[in-house]
Amino acid sequence: MAKIGIFDSGYGGLTILDAIRKNLPGYDYLYLGDNARAPYGTHSFEVIYRYTLQAVQYLFEQDCALVILACNTASAKALRTIQQVDLPLLNGETMKRNVLGVIRPTVEAVPAITKTGHIGILATPATVSSESYALELEKISRQLVVTQQACPMWVPLIEAGEHDGDGADYFVAKYLQEILAKDPQIDTLVLGCTHYPLLQKKIAQQLNNEIQIISQGTLEADSLKDYLSRHPEYRDQLTQGGTCLYLTTENADRFSQSASNFIGEKICAQHITL
C-alpha cells in the first residue's frame, strides 16, 4: 500500500495534513511527528539534517512514495541536501520516491497577495537563519522587500498546549511589534512554521485588517494536488483507501490526546523509535 508520508518535528504538521486530507481525501496517509526531539528550530544544520533524513528513511521503509516535509525548519535546512544527495540512493527499483517541502508553495502565493511589496516572515530561528524564504522570494521578484522575525517562544508554547492562554498574548505581541518596527510598510505576513496557524487568531487580533496573514495548509494542499496531476509516475503508485495512521517518537497516549485537540478528531497514535 503506497502512501503519502507527512513529517514534522512535532504537532504543527497536523495543520498541513488536515488541509491535504480535505483536498485529497482518497489517498492513504502516514503522519510522523518527531516530538521526542522537538523543537527543531533551535538545532544546528547538521542535527536538523540528520533527524530529517532518519524520518524520511523510516517513511520510505513504510512504503511512502511521497514524503512531505510539513516542517519549515526541515524544509529550509534539510530538503535540498536530501533531494540532491540522498534521494538517488534511497529510490528503490519497485517504487519511485520523492521528498517535497512547504516553502516553495508558500512563496509562490505571495506576489498575488501583497499590495505594498513589503513581506514579513515569522519563523523559527533556524528557518530565519537559512534565509530560505528571502532567497525564494527573490527568485520570484527582486522588487519585494522581505523582513524576517525569529519567534523562538511560539513553538514551545504550542507544543505545551499554552497557545490559547493569556501567557501567549505577550509573546505574540512581542514578535509582531519587533517585525513591524523593522518595516512598518509590511502588508503581508507569512506564518513560516506549520505550528503557527494555532496562533493565527491571536496574531490577527494584534494586527489591523490591512495586513494579510498567509497560512500554509491550503497552499500546500493545492500544490500537492497540482503536483500529482503533473506527475502520474507518483500518483499512479499511490493507493486510495482513505486511511490515515499516526506515528510519534514520544509517548503515544500523550501525542494522541494533543493531536486530537489540534485537528478536532479523535486519533490513536503508535510509538516508534528513529
Protein backbone atom coordinates (compact mmCIF):
# COMPACT_ATOMS: atom_id res chain seq x y z
CA MET A 1 0.00 0.00 0.00
CA ALA A 2 1.83 3.12 -1.23
CA LYS A 3 1.13 6.10 1.00
CA ILE A 4 1.78 9.81 1.28
CA GLY A 5 4.01 10.47 4.27
CA ILE A 6 3.70 13.71 6.23
CA PHE A 7 6.59 14.56 8.55
CA ASP A 8 7.01 17.25 11.18
CA SER A 9 9.18 17.73 14.22
CA GLY A 10 6.02 17.87 16.32
CA TYR A 11 2.33 18.69 16.04
CA GLY A 12 2.46 21.57 13.55
CA GLY A 13 2.43 19.32 10.50
CA LEU A 14 -1.05 18.21 11.51
CA THR A 15 -2.31 21.54 10.14
CA ILE A 16 -0.82 20.58 6.77
CA LEU A 17 -2.12 17.01 6.94
CA ASP A 18 -5.63 18.22 7.78
CA ALA A 19 -5.71 20.56 4.76
CA ILE A 20 -4.29 17.93 2.42
CA ARG A 21 -6.78 15.26 3.52
CA LYS A 22 -9.67 17.67 2.97
CA ASN A 23 -8.41 18.41 -0.55
CA LEU A 24 -7.30 14.85 -1.40
CA PRO A 25 -9.34 12.56 0.87
CA GLY A 26 -8.99 9.35 -1.13
CA TYR A 27 -5.29 8.65 -0.59
CA ASP A 28 -3.63 6.73 2.23
CA TYR A 29 -1.55 8.81 4.64
CA LEU A 30 1.08 8.21 7.30
CA TYR A 31 1.90 11.03 9.71
CA LEU A 32 5.14 11.03 11.69
CA GLY A 33 5.86 13.52 14.46
CA ASP A 34 9.34 13.52 15.96
CA ASN A 35 8.00 15.01 19.17
CA ALA A 36 10.65 13.44 21.40
CA ARG A 37 13.29 15.63 19.73
CA ALA A 38 11.20 18.74 19.09
CA PRO A 39 11.53 21.62 18.56
CA TYR A 40 13.92 21.53 15.61
CA GLY A 41 14.12 25.30 15.24
CA THR A 42 16.99 25.85 17.67
CA HIS A 43 19.21 22.99 16.42
CA SER A 44 22.20 23.21 14.07
CA PHE A 45 22.03 22.36 10.38
CA GLU A 46 23.81 19.05 10.97
CA VAL A 47 21.34 17.92 13.64
CA ILE A 48 18.25 19.00 11.69
CA TYR A 49 19.52 17.29 8.56
CA ARG A 50 20.30 14.05 10.43
CA TYR A 51 16.93 13.95 12.20
CA THR A 52 15.02 14.74 9.00
CA LEU A 53 16.88 12.14 6.96
CA GLN A 54 16.13 9.49 9.60
CA ALA A 55 12.43 10.32 9.37
CA VAL A 56 12.43 10.25 5.57
CA GLN A 57 14.20 6.90 5.54
CA TYR A 58 11.69 5.49 8.00
CA LEU A 59 8.71 6.69 5.98
CA PHE A 60 10.17 5.21 2.80
CA GLU A 61 10.55 1.91 4.65
CA GLN A 62 6.83 2.13 5.45
CA ASP A 63 6.01 2.28 1.72
CA CYS A 64 5.56 6.02 1.35
CA ALA A 65 6.09 7.05 -2.26
CA LEU A 66 5.92 10.76 -1.44
CA VAL A 67 7.09 12.43 1.76
CA ILE A 68 6.02 15.98 2.56
CA LEU A 69 8.30 17.81 4.97
CA ALA A 70 5.45 19.63 6.75
CA CYS A 71 8.06 21.49 8.75
CA ASN A 72 9.58 24.77 7.60
CA THR A 73 12.76 24.18 9.56
CA ALA A 74 13.32 20.79 7.92
CA SER A 75 12.36 22.21 4.51
CA ALA A 76 14.80 25.09 4.95
CA LYS A 77 17.73 23.15 6.37
CA ALA A 78 17.49 19.59 5.03
CA LEU A 79 15.28 19.34 1.93
CA ARG A 80 17.81 20.41 -0.71
CA THR A 81 20.54 18.08 0.55
CA ILE A 82 18.14 15.14 0.83
CA GLN A 83 16.83 15.74 -2.70
CA GLN A 84 20.27 16.15 -4.26
CA VAL A 85 22.41 13.73 -2.24
CA ASP A 86 20.29 11.13 -0.50
CA LEU A 87 17.23 10.65 -2.71
CA PRO A 88 19.10 8.95 -5.57
CA LEU A 89 20.40 6.40 -3.05
CA LEU A 90 17.02 5.90 -1.37
CA ASN A 91 14.99 5.29 -4.52
CA GLY A 92 14.26 1.59 -4.92
CA GLU A 93 13.59 -0.46 -8.02
CA THR A 94 9.95 -1.19 -7.15
CA MET A 95 8.81 2.29 -6.11
CA LYS A 96 9.64 5.79 -7.35
CA ARG A 97 10.02 8.16 -4.40
CA ASN A 98 10.31 11.89 -3.82
CA VAL A 99 10.50 14.40 -0.97
CA LEU A 100 8.72 17.77 -1.11
CA GLY A 101 8.75 20.81 1.17
CA VAL A 102 6.37 23.58 2.20
CA ILE A 103 8.35 26.75 1.49
CA ARG A 104 8.08 26.96 -2.30
CA PRO A 105 4.26 26.62 -2.46
CA THR A 106 4.00 29.38 0.14
CA VAL A 107 6.23 31.95 -1.55
CA GLU A 108 4.56 31.39 -4.93
CA ALA A 109 1.33 32.76 -3.45
CA VAL A 110 2.85 35.96 -2.05
CA PRO A 111 3.11 38.26 -5.14
CA ALA A 112 -0.62 38.00 -5.82
CA ILE A 113 -1.48 38.97 -2.24
CA THR A 114 0.80 41.89 -1.35
CA LYS A 115 -0.01 45.43 -2.45
CA THR A 116 2.97 47.26 -0.96
CA GLY A 117 5.54 44.60 -1.86
CA HIS A 118 6.70 44.50 1.76
CA ILE A 119 6.62 40.96 3.18
CA GLY A 120 7.16 39.80 6.75
CA ILE A 121 8.31 36.27 7.59
CA LEU A 122 7.54 34.89 11.05
CA ALA A 123 9.51 31.69 11.59
CA THR A 124 11.78 29.65 13.84
CA PRO A 125 15.39 30.80 14.38
CA ALA A 126 16.66 28.01 12.09
CA THR A 127 14.33 28.95 9.23
CA VAL A 128 15.22 32.62 9.59
CA SER A 129 18.96 31.91 9.62
CA SER A 130 18.64 29.76 6.50
CA GLU A 131 17.32 32.77 4.52
CA SER A 132 15.19 30.26 2.58
CA TYR A 133 12.13 32.49 2.32
CA ALA A 134 14.15 35.56 1.35
CA LEU A 135 16.07 33.64 -1.32
CA GLU A 136 12.95 32.01 -2.79
CA LEU A 137 11.05 35.30 -2.85
CA GLU A 138 14.00 37.00 -4.56
CA LYS A 139 13.82 34.37 -7.32
CA ILE A 140 10.20 35.29 -7.91
CA SER A 141 10.61 39.07 -7.75
CA ARG A 142 13.52 41.32 -6.88
CA GLN A 143 11.04 44.11 -6.15
CA LEU A 144 9.80 42.51 -2.93
CA VAL A 145 11.13 43.79 0.39
CA VAL A 146 11.46 40.89 2.84
CA THR A 147 11.80 41.26 6.60
CA GLN A 148 12.26 38.24 8.85
CA GLN A 149 11.48 37.75 12.53
CA ALA A 150 12.51 34.75 14.62
CA CYS A 151 9.83 33.68 17.10
CA PRO A 152 11.63 31.19 19.36
CA MET A 153 8.91 31.02 22.02
CA TRP A 154 5.94 30.24 19.78
CA VAL A 155 6.60 26.54 19.10
CA PRO A 156 7.31 25.69 22.77
CA LEU A 157 4.07 27.43 23.75
CA ILE A 158 2.09 25.48 21.17
CA GLU A 159 3.75 22.16 21.98
CA ALA A 160 2.92 22.74 25.65
CA GLY A 161 -0.73 23.44 24.80
CA GLU A 162 -0.47 27.02 26.06
CA HIS A 163 -1.27 28.78 22.78
CA ASP A 164 -4.82 29.66 23.86
CA GLY A 165 -3.73 31.02 27.22
CA ASP A 166 -3.09 34.60 28.29
CA GLY A 167 0.64 33.90 28.50
CA ALA A 168 0.81 33.52 24.72
CA ASP A 169 -0.51 37.06 24.21
CA TYR A 170 2.75 38.59 25.46
CA PHE A 171 4.96 36.66 23.03
CA VAL A 172 2.60 37.17 20.09
CA ALA A 173 2.62 40.92 20.69
CA LYS A 174 6.39 40.96 21.27
CA TYR A 175 7.38 39.43 17.93
CA LEU A 176 4.76 41.33 15.94
CA GLN A 177 5.92 44.63 17.41
CA GLU A 178 9.53 43.76 16.60
CA ILE A 179 8.92 42.88 12.94
CA LEU A 180 6.65 45.88 12.31
CA ALA A 181 9.21 48.16 13.92
CA LYS A 182 11.73 46.91 11.35
CA ASP A 183 9.34 47.66 8.47
CA PRO A 184 6.03 49.47 9.12
CA GLN A 185 5.06 49.04 5.44
CA ILE A 186 4.58 45.27 5.73
CA ASP A 187 1.15 44.32 4.44
CA THR A 188 1.63 40.55 4.19
CA LEU A 189 2.82 38.27 6.99
CA VAL A 190 3.85 34.70 6.20
CA LEU A 191 3.46 32.18 9.01
CA GLY A 192 6.67 30.33 8.22
CA CYS A 193 6.09 27.45 10.62
CA THR A 194 3.32 24.88 10.45
CA HIS A 195 2.69 25.30 14.19
CA TYR A 196 1.82 28.97 13.85
CA PRO A 197 -1.75 28.65 12.47
CA LEU A 198 -2.75 27.72 16.02
CA LEU A 199 -1.77 31.27 17.00
CA GLN A 200 -3.40 32.87 13.96
CA LYS A 201 -6.44 34.15 15.86
CA LYS A 202 -4.23 35.89 18.43
CA ILE A 203 -1.98 37.23 15.67
CA ALA A 204 -4.96 38.68 13.79
CA GLN A 205 -6.25 40.34 16.96
CA GLN A 206 -2.95 42.24 17.28
CA LEU A 207 -2.97 43.49 13.68
CA ASN A 208 -5.04 45.89 11.65
CA ASN A 209 -7.21 44.41 8.93
CA GLU A 210 -4.94 45.75 6.19
CA ILE A 211 -2.25 43.15 6.95
CA GLN A 212 -2.85 39.79 5.30
CA ILE A 213 -1.80 36.60 7.09
CA ILE A 214 -0.63 33.69 4.93
CA SER A 215 -1.08 30.25 6.45
CA GLN A 216 0.35 27.24 4.66
CA GLY A 217 -2.20 24.43 4.87
CA THR A 218 -4.43 25.27 1.93
CA LEU A 219 -1.48 26.38 -0.20
CA GLU A 220 0.36 23.12 0.36
CA ALA A 221 -2.78 21.07 -0.33
CA ASP A 222 -3.39 22.86 -3.63
CA SER A 223 0.27 22.49 -4.56
CA LEU A 224 0.25 18.74 -3.87
CA LYS A 225 -2.93 18.27 -5.90
CA ASP A 226 -1.31 20.08 -8.82
CA TYR A 227 1.92 18.10 -8.40
CA LEU A 228 0.09 14.77 -8.57
CA SER A 229 -1.80 15.85 -11.69
CA ARG A 230 1.52 16.71 -13.36
CA HIS A 231 3.39 13.64 -12.13
CA PRO A 232 1.38 10.49 -12.83
CA GLU A 233 4.50 8.42 -12.14
CA TYR A 234 3.96 9.20 -8.44
CA ARG A 235 0.17 9.48 -8.43
CA ASP A 236 -0.37 6.07 -10.03
CA GLN A 237 1.68 4.35 -7.33
CA LEU A 238 -0.46 5.70 -4.51
CA THR A 239 -3.26 3.58 -3.11
CA GLN A 240 -6.62 5.13 -2.34
CA GLY A 241 -8.09 3.55 0.76
CA GLY A 242 -8.72 6.83 2.59
CA THR A 243 -6.69 5.68 5.62
CA CYS A 244 -4.51 7.74 7.94
CA LEU A 245 -2.07 6.38 10.52
CA TYR A 246 -0.24 8.43 13.13
CA LEU A 247 3.24 7.75 14.49
CA THR A 248 5.23 9.61 17.13
CA THR A 249 8.61 9.31 18.80
CA GLU A 250 7.14 10.40 22.14
CA ASN A 251 4.55 8.80 24.41
CA ALA A 252 1.74 7.63 22.13
CA ASP A 253 -1.08 8.42 24.57
CA ARG A 254 0.16 11.97 25.12
CA PHE A 255 0.55 12.52 21.39
CA SER A 256 -2.91 11.10 20.68
CA GLN A 257 -4.55 13.46 23.15
CA SER A 258 -2.71 16.56 21.96
CA ALA A 259 -3.07 15.70 18.27
CA SER A 260 -6.80 15.13 18.70
CA ASN A 261 -7.07 18.69 20.05
CA PHE A 262 -5.11 20.00 17.05
CA ILE A 263 -7.37 18.53 14.38
CA GLY A 264 -10.64 18.14 16.28
CA GLU A 265 -10.78 14.43 15.58
CA LYS A 266 -10.01 11.54 17.90
CA ILE A 267 -6.91 9.62 16.85
CA CYS A 268 -4.85 6.75 18.22
CA ALA A 269 -1.10 7.04 17.56
CA GLN A 270 1.66 4.47 17.74
CA HIS A 271 5.11 4.99 19.28
CA ILE A 272 8.18 4.41 17.13
CA THR A 273 11.91 4.97 17.57
CA LEU A 274 14.03 6.64 14.90
